[in-house]
Amino acid sequence: MAVGTTITAAPAAFADTYCGQASSGAMVYAGNSDTSCEFAMSTAEAYWNHGNGSQPFSVYSQVTGRTYTMTCTDAGSVCQGGNNAVVYLRAG
């Protein structure tokens, strides 16, 4: 590589979008362009109301007016399901 050459990383296709803080205190992020912040926040609340486990649970989407099934990891850090939705929950 020549001296003075600049290396530029390719931009990510989608960066996590911070959506807000859930009532549990978790920071909530939409993980892809298929996930609205409204759905991400609803997922976070439903996850905590469901008991924080890895069992599937239902989440209502205010955007589509439909209910989707989501599943989170045991630690609750990643939730997936619905219509290709990805939600990240991080300690607040």
PDB file of N, CA and C in Angstrom:
ATOM      1  N   MET A   1       0.851  -1.162   0.000  1.00  0.00           N
ATOM      2  CA  MET A   1       0.000   0.000   0.000  1.00  0.00           C
ATOM      3  C   MET A   1       0.897   1.224   0.000  1.00  0.00           C
ATOM      4  N   ALA A   2       0.563   2.168  -0.809  1.00  0.00           N
ATOM      5  CA  ALA A   2       1.365   3.373  -0.948  1.00  0.00           C
ATOM      6  C   ALA A   2       1.180   4.277   0.259  1.00  0.00           C
ATOM      7  N   VAL A   3       2.241   5.021   0.580  1.00  0.00           N
ATOM      8  CA  VAL A   3       2.164   5.985   1.668  1.00  0.00           C
ATOM      9  C   VAL A   3       1.139   7.048   1.305  1.00  0.00           C
ATOM     10  N   GLY A   4       0.305   7.398   2.256  1.00  0.00           N
ATOM     11  CA  GLY A   4      -0.700   8.417   2.014  1.00  0.00           C
ATOM     12  C   GLY A   4      -2.003   7.868   1.456  1.00  0.00           C
ATOM     13  N   THR A   5      -2.073   6.555   1.234  1.00  0.00           N
ATOM     14  CA  THR A   5      -3.297   5.955   0.729  1.00  0.00           C
ATOM     15  C   THR A   5      -4.340   5.932   1.840  1.00  0.00           C
ATOM     16  N   THR A   6      -5.525   6.344   1.516  1.00  0.00           N
ATOM     17  CA  THR A   6      -6.615   6.344   2.480  1.00  0.00           C
ATOM     18  C   THR A   6      -7.471   5.109   2.258  1.00  0.00           C
ATOM     19  N   ILE A   7      -7.759   4.412   3.337  1.00  0.00           N
ATOM     20  CA  ILE A   7      -8.626   3.237   3.273  1.00  0.00           C
ATOM     21  C   ILE A   7      -9.969   3.637   3.852  1.00  0.00           C
ATOM     22  N   THR A   8     -11.004   3.410   3.101  1.00  0.00           N
ATOM     23  CA  THR A   8     -12.351   3.736   3.545  1.00  0.00           C
ATOM     24  C   THR A   8     -13.165   2.458   3.644  1.00  0.00           C
ATOM     25  N   ALA A   9     -13.747   2.244   4.796  1.00  0.00           N
ATOM     26  CA  ALA A   9     -14.590   1.054   4.980  1.00  0.00           C
ATOM     27  C   ALA A   9     -15.903   1.257   4.238  1.00  0.00           C
ATOM     28  N   ALA A  10     -16.419   0.178   3.704  1.00  0.00           N
ATOM     29  CA  ALA A  10     -17.721   0.238   3.036  1.00  0.00           C
ATOM     30  C   ALA A  10     -18.790   0.536   4.075  1.00  0.00           C
ATOM     31  N   PRO A  11     -19.755   1.379   3.758  1.00  0.00           N
ATOM     32  CA  PRO A  11     -20.807   1.687   4.730  1.00  0.00           C
ATOM     33  C   PRO A  11     -21.658   0.458   5.004  1.00  0.00           C
ATOM     34  N   ALA A  12     -22.126   0.356   6.225  1.00  0.00           N
ATOM     35  CA  ALA A  12     -23.019  -0.749   6.585  1.00  0.00           C
ATOM     36  C   ALA A  12     -24.338  -0.572   5.842  1.00  0.00           C
ATOM     37  N   ALA A  13     -24.969  -1.683   5.508  1.00  0.00           N
ATOM     38  CA  ALA A  13     -26.253  -1.626   4.822  1.00  0.00           C
ATOM     39  C   ALA A  13     -27.308  -0.988   5.726  1.00  0.00           C
ATOM     40  N   PHE A  14     -27.213  -1.231   7.013  1.00  0.00           N
ATOM     41  CA  PHE A  14     -28.157  -0.644   7.964  1.00  0.00           C
ATOM     42  C   PHE A  14     -27.497  -0.627   9.328  1.00  0.00           C
ATOM     43  N   ALA A  15     -27.463   0.513   9.944  1.00  0.00           N
ATOM     44  CA  ALA A  15     -26.930   0.615  11.298  1.00  0.00           C
ATOM     45  C   ALA A  15     -28.096   0.475  12.271  1.00  0.00           C
ATOM     46  N   ASP A  16     -27.839  -0.131  13.419  1.00  0.00           N
ATOM     47  CA  ASP A  16     -28.881  -0.230  14.439  1.00  0.00           C
ATOM     48  C   ASP A  16     -29.420   1.167  14.731  1.00  0.00           C
ATOM     49  N   THR A  17     -30.720   1.261  14.847  1.00  0.00           N
ATOM     50  CA  THR A  17     -31.353   2.536  15.148  1.00  0.00           C
ATOM     51  C   THR A  17     -31.821   2.540  16.591  1.00  0.00           C
ATOM     52  N   TYR A  18     -31.332   3.489  17.363  1.00  0.00           N
ATOM     53  CA  TYR A  18     -31.769   3.610  18.751  1.00  0.00           C
ATOM     54  C   TYR A  18     -33.210   4.099  18.764  1.00  0.00           C
ATOM     55  N   CYS A  19     -34.071   3.367  19.495  1.00  0.00           N
ATOM     56  CA  CYS A  19     -35.497   3.692  19.513  1.00  0.00           C
ATOM     57  C   CYS A  19     -35.963   4.302  20.826  1.00  0.00           C
ATOM     58  N   GLY A  20     -35.263   4.020  21.911  1.00  0.00           N
ATOM     59  CA  GLY A  20     -35.664   4.570  23.195  1.00  0.00           C
ATOM     60  C   GLY A  20     -35.371   3.600  24.325  1.00  0.00           C
ATOM     61  N   GLN A  21     -35.834   3.965  25.505  1.00  0.00           N
ATOM     62  CA  GLN A  21     -35.616   3.143  26.688  1.00  0.00           C
ATOM     63  C   GLN A  21     -36.942   2.520  27.104  1.00  0.00           C
ATOM     64  N   ALA A  22     -36.928   1.205  27.265  1.00  0.00           N
ATOM     65  CA  ALA A  22     -38.123   0.472  27.690  1.00  0.00           C
ATOM     66  C   ALA A  22     -38.384   0.727  29.171  1.00  0.00           C
ATOM     67  N   SER A  23     -39.578   0.407  29.625  1.00  0.00           N
ATOM     68  CA  SER A  23     -39.911   0.593  31.035  1.00  0.00           C
ATOM     69  C   SER A  23     -39.027  -0.249  31.946  1.00  0.00           C
ATOM     70  N   SER A  24     -38.437  -1.321  31.386  1.00  0.00           N
ATOM     71  CA  SER A  24     -37.521  -2.174  32.149  1.00  0.00           C
ATOM     72  C   SER A  24     -36.164  -1.511  32.334  1.00  0.00           C
ATOM     73  N   GLY A  25     -35.906  -0.441  31.591  1.00  0.00           N
ATOM     74  CA  GLY A  25     -34.614   0.227  31.633  1.00  0.00           C
ATOM     75  C   GLY A  25     -33.716  -0.145  30.471  1.00  0.00           C
ATOM     76  N   ALA A  26     -34.099  -1.164  29.714  1.00  0.00           N
ATOM     77  CA  ALA A  26     -33.287  -1.603  28.574  1.00  0.00           C
ATOM     78  C   ALA A  26     -33.300  -0.547  27.470  1.00  0.00           C
ATOM     79  N   MET A  27     -32.159  -0.390  26.807  1.00  0.00           N
ATOM     80  CA  MET A  27     -32.060   0.465  25.633  1.00  0.00           C
ATOM     81  C   MET A  27     -32.508  -0.382  24.451  1.00  0.00           C
ATOM     82  N   VAL A  28     -33.395   0.131  23.620  1.00  0.00           N
ATOM     83  CA  VAL A  28     -34.019  -0.644  22.551  1.00  0.00           C
ATOM     84  C   VAL A  28     -33.561  -0.122  21.191  1.00  0.00           C
ATOM     85  N   TYR A  29     -33.163  -1.065  20.324  1.00  0.00           N
ATOM     86  CA  TYR A  29     -32.680  -0.728  18.989  1.00  0.00           C
ATOM     87  C   TYR A  29     -33.400  -1.557  17.939  1.00  0.00           C
ATOM     88  N   ALA A  30     -33.772  -0.928  16.827  1.00  0.00           N
ATOM     89  CA  ALA A  30     -34.264  -1.655  15.653  1.00  0.00           C
ATOM     90  C   ALA A  30     -33.027  -2.149  14.922  1.00  0.00           C
ATOM     91  N   GLY A  31     -32.973  -3.439  14.638  1.00  0.00           N
ATOM     92  CA  GLY A  31     -31.759  -4.038  14.101  1.00  0.00           C
ATOM     93  C   GLY A  31     -31.666  -4.091  12.591  1.00  0.00           C
ATOM     94  N   ASN A  32     -32.740  -3.747  11.879  1.00  0.00           N
ATOM     95  CA  ASN A  32     -32.667  -3.740  10.412  1.00  0.00           C
ATOM     96  C   ASN A  32     -33.765  -2.832   9.860  1.00  0.00           C
ATOM     97  N   SER A  33     -33.756  -2.661   8.568  1.00  0.00           N
ATOM     98  CA  SER A  33     -34.714  -1.746   7.936  1.00  0.00           C
ATOM     99  C   SER A  33     -36.131  -2.297   7.910  1.00  0.00           C
ATOM    100  N   ASP A  34     -36.321  -3.579   8.240  1.00  0.00           N
ATOM    101  CA  ASP A  34     -37.655  -4.174   8.301  1.00  0.00           C
ATOM    102  C   ASP A  34     -38.320  -3.953   9.662  1.00  0.00           C
ATOM    103  N   THR A  35     -37.591  -3.361  10.598  1.00  0.00           N
ATOM    104  CA  THR A  35     -38.075  -3.209  11.964  1.00  0.00           C
ATOM    105  C   THR A  35     -38.297  -1.741  12.294  1.00  0.00           C
ATOM    106  N   SER A  36     -39.531  -1.378  12.558  1.00  0.00           N
ATOM    107  CA  SER A  36     -39.820   0.002  12.958  1.00  0.00           C
ATOM    108  C   SER A  36     -39.495   0.174  14.438  1.00  0.00           C
ATOM    109  N   CYS A  37     -39.236   1.406  14.830  1.00  0.00           N
ATOM    110  CA  CYS A  37     -39.004   1.666  16.251  1.00  0.00           C
ATOM    111  C   CYS A  37     -40.239   1.355  17.075  1.00  0.00           C
ATOM    112  N   GLU A  38     -41.409   1.602  16.522  1.00  0.00           N
ATOM    113  CA  GLU A  38     -42.639   1.286  17.246  1.00  0.00           C
ATOM    114  C   GLU A  38     -42.704  -0.206  17.568  1.00  0.00           C
ATOM    115  N   PHE A  39     -42.340  -1.035  16.572  1.00  0.00           N
ATOM    116  CA  PHE A  39     -42.368  -2.477  16.779  1.00  0.00           C
ATOM    117  C   PHE A  39     -41.262  -2.904  17.740  1.00  0.00           C
ATOM    118  N   ALA A  40     -40.097  -2.289  17.629  1.00  0.00           N
ATOM    119  CA  ALA A  40     -38.995  -2.612  18.539  1.00  0.00           C
ATOM    120  C   ALA A  40     -39.383  -2.316  19.985  1.00  0.00           C
ATOM    121  N   MET A  41     -39.992  -1.167  20.221  1.00  0.00           N
ATOM    122  CA  MET A  41     -40.413  -0.814  21.574  1.00  0.00           C
ATOM    123  C   MET A  41     -41.507  -1.758  22.073  1.00  0.00           C
ATOM    124  N   SER A  42     -42.452  -2.096  21.209  1.00  0.00           N
ATOM    125  CA  SER A  42     -43.510  -3.044  21.585  1.00  0.00           C
ATOM    126  C   SER A  42     -42.921  -4.408  21.919  1.00  0.00           C
ATOM    127  N   THR A  43     -41.904  -4.819  21.158  1.00  0.00           N
ATOM    128  CA  THR A  43     -41.236  -6.098  21.416  1.00  0.00           C
ATOM    129  C   THR A  43     -40.576  -6.088  22.783  1.00  0.00           C
ATOM    130  N   ALA A  44     -39.896  -5.001  23.111  1.00  0.00           N
ATOM    131  CA  ALA A  44     -39.223  -4.902  24.410  1.00  0.00           C
ATOM    132  C   ALA A  44     -40.233  -5.014  25.550  1.00  0.00           C
ATOM    133  N   GLU A  45     -41.340  -4.291  25.441  1.00  0.00           N
ATOM    134  CA  GLU A  45     -42.352  -4.342  26.500  1.00  0.00           C
ATOM    135  C   GLU A  45     -42.988  -5.726  26.598  1.00  0.00           C
ATOM    136  N   ALA A  46     -43.292  -6.325  25.451  1.00  0.00           N
ATOM    137  CA  ALA A  46     -43.894  -7.664  25.451  1.00  0.00           C
ATOM    138  C   ALA A  46     -42.927  -8.697  26.018  1.00  0.00           C
ATOM    139  N   TYR A  47     -41.649  -8.552  25.700  1.00  0.00           N
ATOM    140  CA  TYR A  47     -40.636  -9.478  26.220  1.00  0.00           C
ATOM    141  C   TYR A  47     -40.618  -9.440  27.744  1.00  0.00           C
ATOM    142  N   TRP A  48     -40.598  -8.264  28.329  1.00  0.00           N
ATOM    143  CA  TRP A  48     -40.549  -8.150  29.783  1.00  0.00           C
ATOM    144  C   TRP A  48     -41.856  -8.620  30.403  1.00  0.00           C
ATOM    145  N   ASN A  49     -42.982  -8.312  29.766  1.00  0.00           N
ATOM    146  CA  ASN A  49     -44.280  -8.753  30.287  1.00  0.00           C
ATOM    147  C   ASN A  49     -44.461 -10.257  30.177  1.00  0.00           C
ATOM    148  N   HIS A  50     -43.775 -10.863  29.218  1.00  0.00           N
ATOM    149  CA  HIS A  50     -43.870 -12.305  28.980  1.00  0.00           C
ATOM    150  C   HIS A  50     -43.036 -13.104  29.973  1.00  0.00           C
ATOM    151  N   GLY A  51     -42.099 -12.474  30.630  1.00  0.00           N
ATOM    152  CA  GLY A  51     -41.294 -13.164  31.636  1.00  0.00           C
ATOM    153  C   GLY A  51     -39.834 -13.330  31.271  1.00  0.00           C
ATOM    154  N   ASN A  52     -39.353 -12.641  30.270  1.00  0.00           N
ATOM    155  CA  ASN A  52     -37.929 -12.588  29.931  1.00  0.00           C
ATOM    156  C   ASN A  52     -37.323 -13.902  29.470  1.00  0.00           C
ATOM    157  N   GLY A  53     -38.070 -14.870  29.094  1.00  0.00           N
ATOM    158  CA  GLY A  53     -37.510 -16.157  28.695  1.00  0.00           C
ATOM    159  C   GLY A  53     -37.265 -16.255  27.200  1.00  0.00           C
ATOM    160  N   SER A  54     -36.964 -17.454  26.765  1.00  0.00           N
ATOM    161  CA  SER A  54     -36.685 -17.678  25.346  1.00  0.00           C
ATOM    162  C   SER A  54     -37.895 -18.279  24.614  1.00  0.00           C
ATOM    163  N   GLN A  55     -39.044 -18.330  25.283  1.00  0.00           N
ATOM    164  CA  GLN A  55     -40.254 -18.854  24.648  1.00  0.00           C
ATOM    165  C   GLN A  55     -40.849 -17.809  23.712  1.00  0.00           C
ATOM    166  N   PRO A  56     -41.427 -18.238  22.595  1.00  0.00           N
ATOM    167  CA  PRO A  56     -42.054 -17.280  21.662  1.00  0.00           C
ATOM    168  C   PRO A  56     -43.187 -16.503  22.343  1.00  0.00           C
ATOM    169  N   PHE A  57     -43.372 -15.273  21.904  1.00  0.00           N
ATOM    170  CA  PHE A  57     -44.442 -14.431  22.431  1.00  0.00           C
ATOM    171  C   PHE A  57     -44.991 -13.556  21.308  1.00  0.00           C
ATOM    172  N   SER A  58     -46.169 -13.018  21.506  1.00  0.00           N
ATOM    173  CA  SER A  58     -46.839 -12.222  20.477  1.00  0.00           C
ATOM    174  C   SER A  58     -46.582 -10.742  20.687  1.00  0.00           C
ATOM    175  N   VAL A  59     -46.404 -10.042  19.556  1.00  0.00           N
ATOM    176  CA  VAL A  59     -46.197  -8.592  19.588  1.00  0.00           C
ATOM    177  C   VAL A  59     -47.085  -7.955  18.528  1.00  0.00           C
ATOM    178  N   TYR A  60     -47.833  -6.954  18.939  1.00  0.00           N
ATOM    179  CA  TYR A  60     -48.695  -6.221  18.008  1.00  0.00           C
ATOM    180  C   TYR A  60     -47.890  -5.106  17.339  1.00  0.00           C
ATOM    181  N   SER A  61     -48.028  -4.984  16.031  1.00  0.00           N
ATOM    182  CA  SER A  61     -47.368  -3.927  15.276  1.00  0.00           C
ATOM    183  C   SER A  61     -48.350  -2.797  15.004  1.00  0.00           C
ATOM    184  N   GLN A  62     -48.019  -1.612  15.499  1.00  0.00           N
ATOM    185  CA  GLN A  62     -48.846  -0.439  15.234  1.00  0.00           C
ATOM    186  C   GLN A  62     -48.742  -0.017  13.772  1.00  0.00           C
ATOM    187  N   VAL A  63     -47.657  -0.388  13.117  1.00  0.00           N
ATOM    188  CA  VAL A  63     -47.440  -0.002  11.723  1.00  0.00           C
ATOM    189  C   VAL A  63     -48.303  -0.828  10.771  1.00  0.00           C
ATOM    190  N   THR A  64     -48.317  -2.164  10.966  1.00  0.00           N
ATOM    191  CA  THR A  64     -49.067  -3.032  10.055  1.00  0.00           C
ATOM    192  C   THR A  64     -50.456  -3.389  10.571  1.00  0.00           C
ATOM    193  N   GLY A  65     -50.688  -3.206  11.874  1.00  0.00           N
ATOM    194  CA  GLY A  65     -51.963  -3.595  12.460  1.00  0.00           C
ATOM    195  C   GLY A  65     -52.089  -5.094  12.656  1.00  0.00           C
ATOM    196  N   ARG A  66     -50.962  -5.812  12.576  1.00  0.00           N
ATOM    197  CA  ARG A  66     -50.974  -7.272  12.732  1.00  0.00           C
ATOM    198  C   ARG A  66     -50.184  -7.673  13.973  1.00  0.00           C
ATOM    199  N   THR A  67     -50.402  -8.908  14.410  1.00  0.00           N
ATOM    200  CA  THR A  67     -49.660  -9.469  15.534  1.00  0.00           C
ATOM    201  C   THR A  67     -48.660 -10.479  14.998  1.00  0.00           C
ATOM    202  N   TYR A  68     -47.443 -10.417  15.503  1.00  0.00           N
ATOM    203  CA  TYR A  68     -46.356 -11.287  15.043  1.00  0.00           C
ATOM    204  C   TYR A  68     -45.763 -12.059  16.214  1.00  0.00           C
ATOM    205  N   THR A  69     -45.162 -13.196  15.915  1.00  0.00           N
ATOM    206  CA  THR A  69     -44.473 -13.996  16.924  1.00  0.00           C
ATOM    207  C   THR A  69     -43.000 -13.625  16.929  1.00  0.00           C
ATOM    208  N   MET A  70     -42.478 -13.359  18.121  1.00  0.00           N
ATOM    209  CA  MET A  70     -41.070 -13.040  18.299  1.00  0.00           C
ATOM    210  C   MET A  70     -40.460 -14.007  19.302  1.00  0.00           C
ATOM    211  N   THR A  71     -39.172 -14.225  19.181  1.00  0.00           N
ATOM    212  CA  THR A  71     -38.412 -15.054  20.113  1.00  0.00           C
ATOM    213  C   THR A  71     -37.115 -14.333  20.435  1.00  0.00           C
ATOM    214  N   CYS A  72     -36.751 -14.326  21.712  1.00  0.00           N
ATOM    215  CA  CYS A  72     -35.507 -13.677  22.139  1.00  0.00           C
ATOM    216  C   CYS A  72     -34.544 -14.724  22.688  1.00  0.00           C
ATOM    217  N   THR A  73     -33.274 -14.385  22.680  1.00  0.00           N
ATOM    218  CA  THR A  73     -32.281 -15.244  23.307  1.00  0.00           C
ATOM    219  C   THR A  73     -32.547 -15.272  24.804  1.00  0.00           C
ATOM    220  N   ASP A  74     -32.004 -16.255  25.499  1.00  0.00           N
ATOM    221  CA  ASP A  74     -32.198 -16.354  26.940  1.00  0.00           C
ATOM    222  C   ASP A  74     -31.775 -15.075  27.652  1.00  0.00           C
ATOM    223  N   ALA A  75     -30.688 -14.505  27.203  1.00  0.00           N
ATOM    224  CA  ALA A  75     -30.198 -13.279  27.827  1.00  0.00           C
ATOM    225  C   ALA A  75     -31.024 -12.068  27.417  1.00  0.00           C
ATOM    226  N   GLY A  76     -31.874 -12.234  26.408  1.00  0.00           N
ATOM    227  CA  GLY A  76     -32.732 -11.154  25.977  1.00  0.00           C
ATOM    228  C   GLY A  76     -32.047 -10.088  25.169  1.00  0.00           C
ATOM    229  N   SER A  77     -30.862 -10.372  24.667  1.00  0.00           N
ATOM    230  CA  SER A  77     -30.137  -9.331  23.950  1.00  0.00           C
ATOM    231  C   SER A  77     -30.557  -9.200  22.494  1.00  0.00           C
ATOM    232  N   VAL A  78     -31.075 -10.270  21.900  1.00  0.00           N
ATOM    233  CA  VAL A  78     -31.510 -10.232  20.501  1.00  0.00           C
ATOM    234  C   VAL A  78     -32.868 -10.913  20.388  1.00  0.00           C
ATOM    235  N   CYS A  79     -33.807 -10.227  19.755  1.00  0.00           N
ATOM    236  CA  CYS A  79     -35.123 -10.794  19.493  1.00  0.00           C
ATOM    237  C   CYS A  79     -35.338 -10.799  17.985  1.00  0.00           C
ATOM    238  N   GLN A  80     -35.904 -11.904  17.480  1.00  0.00           N
ATOM    239  CA  GLN A  80     -36.138 -12.025  16.051  1.00  0.00           C
ATOM    240  C   GLN A  80     -37.485 -12.671  15.797  1.00  0.00           C
ATOM    241  N   GLY A  81     -38.012 -12.405  14.624  1.00  0.00           N
ATOM    242  CA  GLY A  81     -39.277 -13.017  14.236  1.00  0.00           C
ATOM    243  C   GLY A  81     -40.089 -12.069  13.396  1.00  0.00           C
ATOM    244  N   GLY A  82     -41.409 -12.202  13.532  1.00  0.00           N
ATOM    245  CA  GLY A  82     -42.288 -11.320  12.781  1.00  0.00           C
ATOM    246  C   GLY A  82     -42.031 -11.406  11.298  1.00  0.00           C
ATOM    247  N   ASN A  83     -41.977 -10.271  10.671  1.00  0.00           N
ATOM    248  CA  ASN A  83     -41.730 -10.171   9.235  1.00  0.00           C
ATOM    249  C   ASN A  83     -40.277  -9.750   9.027  1.00  0.00           C
ATOM    250  N   ASN A  84     -39.331 -10.637   9.425  1.00  0.00           N
ATOM    251  CA  ASN A  84     -37.890 -10.391   9.336  1.00  0.00           C
ATOM    252  C   ASN A  84     -37.413  -9.323  10.327  1.00  0.00           C
ATOM    253  N   ALA A  85     -38.124  -9.174  11.436  1.00  0.00           N
ATOM    254  CA  ALA A  85     -37.768  -8.159  12.429  1.00  0.00           C
ATOM    255  C   ALA A  85     -36.588  -8.608  13.282  1.00  0.00           C
ATOM    256  N   VAL A  86     -35.746  -7.632  13.640  1.00  0.00           N
ATOM    257  CA  VAL A  86     -34.635  -7.851  14.563  1.00  0.00           C
ATOM    258  C   VAL A  86     -34.649  -6.700  15.562  1.00  0.00           C
ATOM    259  N   VAL A  87     -34.629  -7.054  16.848  1.00  0.00           N
ATOM    260  CA  VAL A  87     -34.635  -6.058  17.916  1.00  0.00           C
ATOM    261  C   VAL A  87     -33.490  -6.382  18.868  1.00  0.00           C
ATOM    262  N   TYR A  88     -32.719  -5.361  19.229  1.00  0.00           N
ATOM    263  CA  TYR A  88     -31.639  -5.519  20.196  1.00  0.00           C
ATOM    264  C   TYR A  88     -32.037  -4.833  21.494  1.00  0.00           C
ATOM    265  N   LEU A  89     -31.857  -5.545  22.610  1.00  0.00           N
ATOM    266  CA  LEU A  89     -32.116  -5.000  23.941  1.00  0.00           C
ATOM    267  C   LEU A  89     -30.781  -4.967  24.669  1.00  0.00           C
ATOM    268  N   ARG A  90     -30.408  -3.797  25.125  1.00  0.00           N
ATOM    269  CA  ARG A  90     -29.125  -3.636  25.806  1.00  0.00           C
ATOM    270  C   ARG A  90     -29.348  -2.993  27.166  1.00  0.00           C
ATOM    271  N   ALA A  91     -28.532  -3.400  28.130  1.00  0.00           N
ATOM    272  CA  ALA A  91     -28.661  -2.865  29.485  1.00  0.00           C
ATOM    273  C   ALA A  91     -28.584  -1.346  29.459  1.00  0.00           C
ATOM    274  N   GLY A  92     -29.473  -0.734  30.210  1.00  0.00           N
ATOM    275  CA  GLY A  92     -29.548   0.722  30.228  1.00  0.00           C
ATOM    276  C   GLY A  92     -28.759   1.341  31.334  1.00  0.00           C
TER     277      GLY A  92
END
